[in-house]
Amino acid sequence: MKNIKAIIFDAYGTLFDVNSAAEKCKNKIGDKWEGFSNYWRTTQLEYTWLRSLMNRHKDFWQITEDSLDKSINVFNINPSMKNELLNLYKVLLTYNEVPEVLKSLKLKNFKLAILSNGTPSLLNELVKVNNLENIFDDIFSIEQVGIYKPDFKVYDMPIQKYHIEKEEVAFLSANTWDVSGGGNYGYNAIWVNRNENIFDNLDYKPNFQIKNLLELIDLI
């Protein structure tokens, strides 16, 4: 980790809490809100992978809406909640430690960037509503290459922009498939394991896993 020049973060589930939209509606949804939220997220990811494989691209916002439609039907949620949930997804909250850590890293001599499936407008809005303007050097969206993670064309964008080597990137994600994608590409991939999950068997094991981003400071 001594030769790191860029620290690159996944957005959804790593910096921004994907469950915070449904959690704000838990009084309306009831006890099944968390299962519903997890199903929505899983379906959303499945649609990104399937559309990449089928060469039938839709942007992340369209996929988020499509996966919400299915989740509402599966969990028998009142359809009138759809617009409320979508609007809340545009303003997801960060995890508690994220602003402090990012502002601390900004004082050091690293390139800081987001590398995400999200559309540029969605990502810029999340950064704005969480008061993280002027933190990131770049916000890389898969829309620049037209295919979703874990395709290597996504992970290659920061390398091409910064003219650095793959091993000079610290890449952080809470998604095990994304850590494997970045690690197999050649990044120093760090797993943000917030929920004590088990890592996947995808031909890559991260050298480091952390419980939250505060532990990143010690690694760097």
Protein backbone atom coordinates (compact mmCIF):
# COMPACT_ATOMS: atom_id res chain seq x y z
CA MET A 1 0.00 0.00 0.00
CA LYS A 2 3.04 2.32 0.11
CA ASN A 3 2.94 3.09 -3.62
CA ILE A 4 -0.72 4.10 -3.77
CA LYS A 5 -1.42 7.18 -5.89
CA ALA A 6 -5.21 6.99 -6.22
CA ILE A 7 -7.93 5.91 -3.81
CA ILE A 8 -11.07 4.96 -5.66
CA PHE A 9 -14.42 4.20 -4.05
CA ASP A 10 -17.45 2.32 -5.18
CA ALA A 11 -20.55 4.41 -4.41
CA TYR A 12 -23.62 2.31 -3.64
CA GLY A 13 -23.21 0.26 -0.48
CA THR A 14 -19.70 1.59 0.10
CA LEU A 15 -20.09 5.35 0.52
CA PHE A 16 -23.88 5.60 0.34
CA ASP A 17 -26.31 3.43 2.31
CA VAL A 18 -28.58 1.71 -0.23
CA ASN A 19 -31.02 0.73 2.53
CA SER A 20 -31.58 4.30 3.70
CA ALA A 21 -34.38 4.91 1.17
CA ALA A 22 -36.58 2.03 2.36
CA GLU A 23 -35.62 2.65 5.98
CA LYS A 24 -37.15 6.11 5.81
CA CYS A 25 -40.42 4.40 4.78
CA LYS A 26 -40.30 1.56 7.29
CA ASN A 27 -43.36 2.82 9.16
CA LYS A 28 -45.37 2.48 5.94
CA ILE A 29 -43.75 -0.74 4.71
CA GLY A 30 -43.69 -2.49 8.08
CA ASP A 31 -41.36 -5.18 9.40
CA LYS A 32 -40.59 -6.44 5.89
CA TRP A 33 -38.87 -3.17 4.92
CA GLU A 34 -35.35 -4.59 5.23
CA GLY A 35 -36.08 -7.75 3.26
CA PHE A 36 -37.77 -5.64 0.63
CA SER A 37 -34.80 -3.27 0.46
CA ASN A 38 -32.29 -6.12 0.12
CA TYR A 39 -34.40 -7.75 -2.59
CA TRP A 40 -34.58 -4.46 -4.50
CA ARG A 41 -30.80 -4.11 -4.34
CA THR A 42 -30.15 -7.72 -5.37
CA THR A 43 -32.55 -7.46 -8.31
CA GLN A 44 -30.98 -4.16 -9.34
CA LEU A 45 -27.53 -5.77 -9.47
CA GLU A 46 -28.80 -8.85 -11.30
CA TYR A 47 -30.31 -6.62 -13.97
CA THR A 48 -26.97 -4.82 -14.50
CA TRP A 49 -25.18 -8.12 -15.04
CA LEU A 50 -27.89 -9.63 -17.23
CA ARG A 51 -28.18 -6.54 -19.41
CA SER A 52 -24.41 -6.47 -19.85
CA LEU A 53 -24.40 -10.11 -20.94
CA MET A 54 -27.38 -9.61 -23.27
CA ASN A 55 -25.97 -6.36 -24.69
CA ARG A 56 -29.25 -4.65 -23.78
CA HIS A 57 -28.01 -1.59 -21.91
CA LYS A 58 -30.21 0.62 -19.79
CA ASP A 59 -28.80 3.26 -17.51
CA PHE A 60 -28.69 2.70 -13.77
CA TRP A 61 -31.71 4.84 -13.01
CA GLN A 62 -33.89 2.89 -15.44
CA ILE A 63 -32.64 -0.35 -13.91
CA THR A 64 -33.33 0.97 -10.42
CA GLU A 65 -36.93 1.69 -11.42
CA ASP A 66 -37.38 -1.67 -13.16
CA SER A 67 -36.03 -3.57 -10.17
CA LEU A 68 -38.24 -1.55 -7.83
CA ASP A 69 -41.32 -2.46 -9.87
CA LYS A 70 -40.55 -6.15 -9.44
CA SER A 71 -39.75 -5.78 -5.73
CA ILE A 72 -43.00 -3.93 -5.07
CA ASN A 73 -44.92 -6.79 -6.68
CA VAL A 74 -42.99 -9.52 -4.86
CA PHE A 75 -43.42 -7.89 -1.43
CA ASN A 76 -46.95 -6.64 -2.10
CA ILE A 77 -46.02 -3.02 -1.38
CA ASN A 78 -48.56 -0.31 -2.16
CA PRO A 79 -47.68 0.85 -5.73
CA SER A 80 -48.37 4.43 -4.70
CA MET A 81 -45.08 4.34 -2.77
CA LYS A 82 -43.00 3.94 -5.93
CA ASN A 83 -42.31 7.63 -6.55
CA GLU A 84 -41.52 8.25 -2.89
CA LEU A 85 -38.98 5.43 -2.84
CA LEU A 86 -37.39 6.56 -6.09
CA ASN A 87 -37.07 10.12 -4.85
CA LEU A 88 -35.46 8.89 -1.63
CA TYR A 89 -33.00 6.81 -3.67
CA LYS A 90 -31.75 10.02 -5.25
CA VAL A 91 -30.75 11.34 -1.81
CA LEU A 92 -29.27 8.27 -0.10
CA LEU A 93 -27.32 9.02 3.06
CA THR A 94 -23.65 8.26 3.53
CA TYR A 95 -22.52 5.87 6.23
CA ASN A 96 -21.68 7.78 9.39
CA GLU A 97 -17.88 7.80 9.08
CA VAL A 98 -17.68 8.62 5.37
CA PRO A 99 -17.52 12.45 5.44
CA GLU A 100 -14.83 12.51 8.13
CA VAL A 101 -12.65 9.97 6.34
CA LEU A 102 -12.97 11.60 2.93
CA LYS A 103 -12.12 15.03 4.27
CA SER A 104 -9.07 13.57 6.03
CA LEU A 105 -7.88 11.84 2.84
CA LYS A 106 -8.39 15.05 0.87
CA LEU A 107 -5.58 16.60 2.89
CA LYS A 108 -3.15 13.93 1.66
CA ASN A 109 -1.53 13.64 -1.74
CA PHE A 110 -3.89 11.12 -3.33
CA LYS A 111 -6.22 11.25 -6.26
CA LEU A 112 -9.73 10.60 -4.88
CA ALA A 113 -12.47 9.30 -7.13
CA ILE A 114 -15.75 7.45 -7.31
CA LEU A 115 -16.11 4.55 -9.76
CA SER A 116 -19.74 3.53 -9.98
CA ASN A 117 -22.57 1.94 -11.93
CA GLY A 118 -24.59 5.10 -11.27
CA THR A 119 -25.33 7.72 -13.86
CA PRO A 120 -23.36 10.98 -13.64
CA SER A 121 -26.44 12.97 -12.61
CA LEU A 122 -27.32 10.52 -9.81
CA LEU A 123 -23.77 10.47 -8.46
CA ASN A 124 -23.37 14.23 -8.61
CA GLU A 125 -26.64 14.65 -6.72
CA LEU A 126 -25.56 12.22 -3.99
CA VAL A 127 -22.28 14.06 -3.57
CA LYS A 128 -24.12 17.38 -3.38
CA VAL A 129 -26.82 16.40 -0.88
CA ASN A 130 -24.22 14.84 1.41
CA ASN A 131 -22.03 17.98 1.29
CA LEU A 132 -19.08 16.22 -0.35
CA GLU A 133 -18.44 18.76 -3.08
CA ASN A 134 -14.77 19.51 -3.74
CA ILE A 135 -13.69 16.13 -2.32
CA PHE A 136 -13.36 14.04 -5.47
CA ASP A 137 -11.01 14.63 -8.37
CA ASP A 138 -13.29 12.58 -10.61
CA ILE A 139 -16.59 10.75 -10.60
CA PHE A 140 -16.33 7.89 -13.07
CA SER A 141 -19.61 6.40 -14.32
CA ILE A 142 -19.99 3.21 -16.33
CA GLU A 143 -22.00 5.28 -18.79
CA GLN A 144 -18.63 6.40 -20.18
CA VAL A 145 -18.01 2.86 -21.47
CA GLY A 146 -21.59 1.58 -21.76
CA ILE A 147 -21.25 -1.59 -19.73
CA TYR A 148 -21.56 -2.42 -16.05
CA LYS A 149 -19.06 -3.66 -13.52
CA PRO A 150 -17.28 -6.02 -13.30
CA ASP A 151 -16.28 -5.56 -16.95
CA PHE A 152 -12.61 -4.55 -17.09
CA LYS A 153 -13.41 -1.55 -19.30
CA VAL A 154 -14.95 0.06 -16.21
CA TYR A 155 -11.90 -0.44 -13.99
CA ASP A 156 -9.63 0.78 -16.77
CA MET A 157 -11.08 4.31 -16.81
CA PRO A 158 -9.06 5.74 -13.89
CA ILE A 159 -5.87 4.13 -15.21
CA GLN A 160 -6.30 5.85 -18.54
CA LYS A 161 -7.20 9.18 -16.95
CA TYR A 162 -4.40 9.31 -14.36
CA HIS A 163 -1.69 7.47 -16.36
CA ILE A 164 -0.83 5.27 -13.38
CA GLU A 165 -0.29 1.55 -12.88
CA LYS A 166 -3.08 -0.74 -11.68
CA GLU A 167 -1.20 -1.60 -8.49
CA GLU A 168 -1.02 2.11 -7.65
CA VAL A 169 -4.79 2.14 -7.06
CA ALA A 170 -6.48 1.33 -3.75
CA PHE A 171 -10.03 0.36 -4.69
CA LEU A 172 -12.67 0.07 -1.98
CA SER A 173 -16.02 -1.63 -2.25
CA ALA A 174 -18.49 -3.26 0.10
CA ASN A 175 -19.63 -5.55 -2.73
CA THR A 176 -17.64 -8.77 -2.86
CA TRP A 177 -18.20 -9.23 -6.61
CA ASP A 178 -16.88 -5.69 -7.16
CA VAL A 179 -13.80 -6.33 -5.02
CA SER A 180 -13.17 -9.47 -7.07
CA GLY A 181 -13.70 -7.54 -10.29
CA GLY A 182 -11.27 -4.80 -9.33
CA GLY A 183 -8.79 -7.25 -7.84
CA ASN A 184 -8.77 -9.52 -10.87
CA TYR A 185 -8.24 -6.43 -13.01
CA GLY A 186 -5.12 -5.61 -10.98
CA TYR A 187 -6.18 -3.10 -8.34
CA ASN A 188 -5.22 -3.32 -4.69
CA ALA A 189 -8.82 -4.05 -3.79
CA ILE A 190 -10.00 -3.59 -0.22
CA TRP A 191 -13.21 -5.16 1.02
CA VAL A 192 -15.36 -2.94 3.24
CA ASN A 193 -17.08 -5.72 5.15
CA ARG A 194 -19.62 -3.82 7.21
CA ASN A 195 -21.83 -6.81 8.02
CA GLU A 196 -19.35 -9.64 8.68
CA ASN A 197 -20.22 -11.40 5.44
CA ILE A 198 -18.39 -14.27 3.74
CA PHE A 199 -16.28 -13.49 0.68
CA ASP A 200 -17.09 -15.05 -2.71
CA ASN A 201 -15.00 -17.68 -4.52
CA LEU A 202 -14.16 -15.71 -7.66
CA ASP A 203 -10.41 -16.24 -8.08
CA TYR A 204 -9.47 -13.28 -5.92
CA LYS A 205 -9.04 -12.76 -2.21
CA PRO A 206 -8.37 -9.21 -0.99
CA ASN A 207 -5.22 -8.62 1.02
CA PHE A 208 -7.18 -6.31 3.29
CA GLN A 209 -10.69 -6.16 4.64
CA ILE A 210 -12.00 -3.43 6.91
CA LYS A 211 -15.19 -2.98 8.91
CA ASN A 212 -15.64 0.64 7.90
CA LEU A 213 -13.71 3.41 6.21
CA LEU A 214 -12.11 4.64 9.44
CA GLU A 215 -9.81 1.61 9.24
CA LEU A 216 -8.62 2.79 5.83
CA ILE A 217 -6.67 5.61 7.47
CA ASP A 218 -4.41 3.10 9.23
CA LEU A 219 -3.83 1.13 6.02
CA ILE A 220 -2.90 4.20 3.98
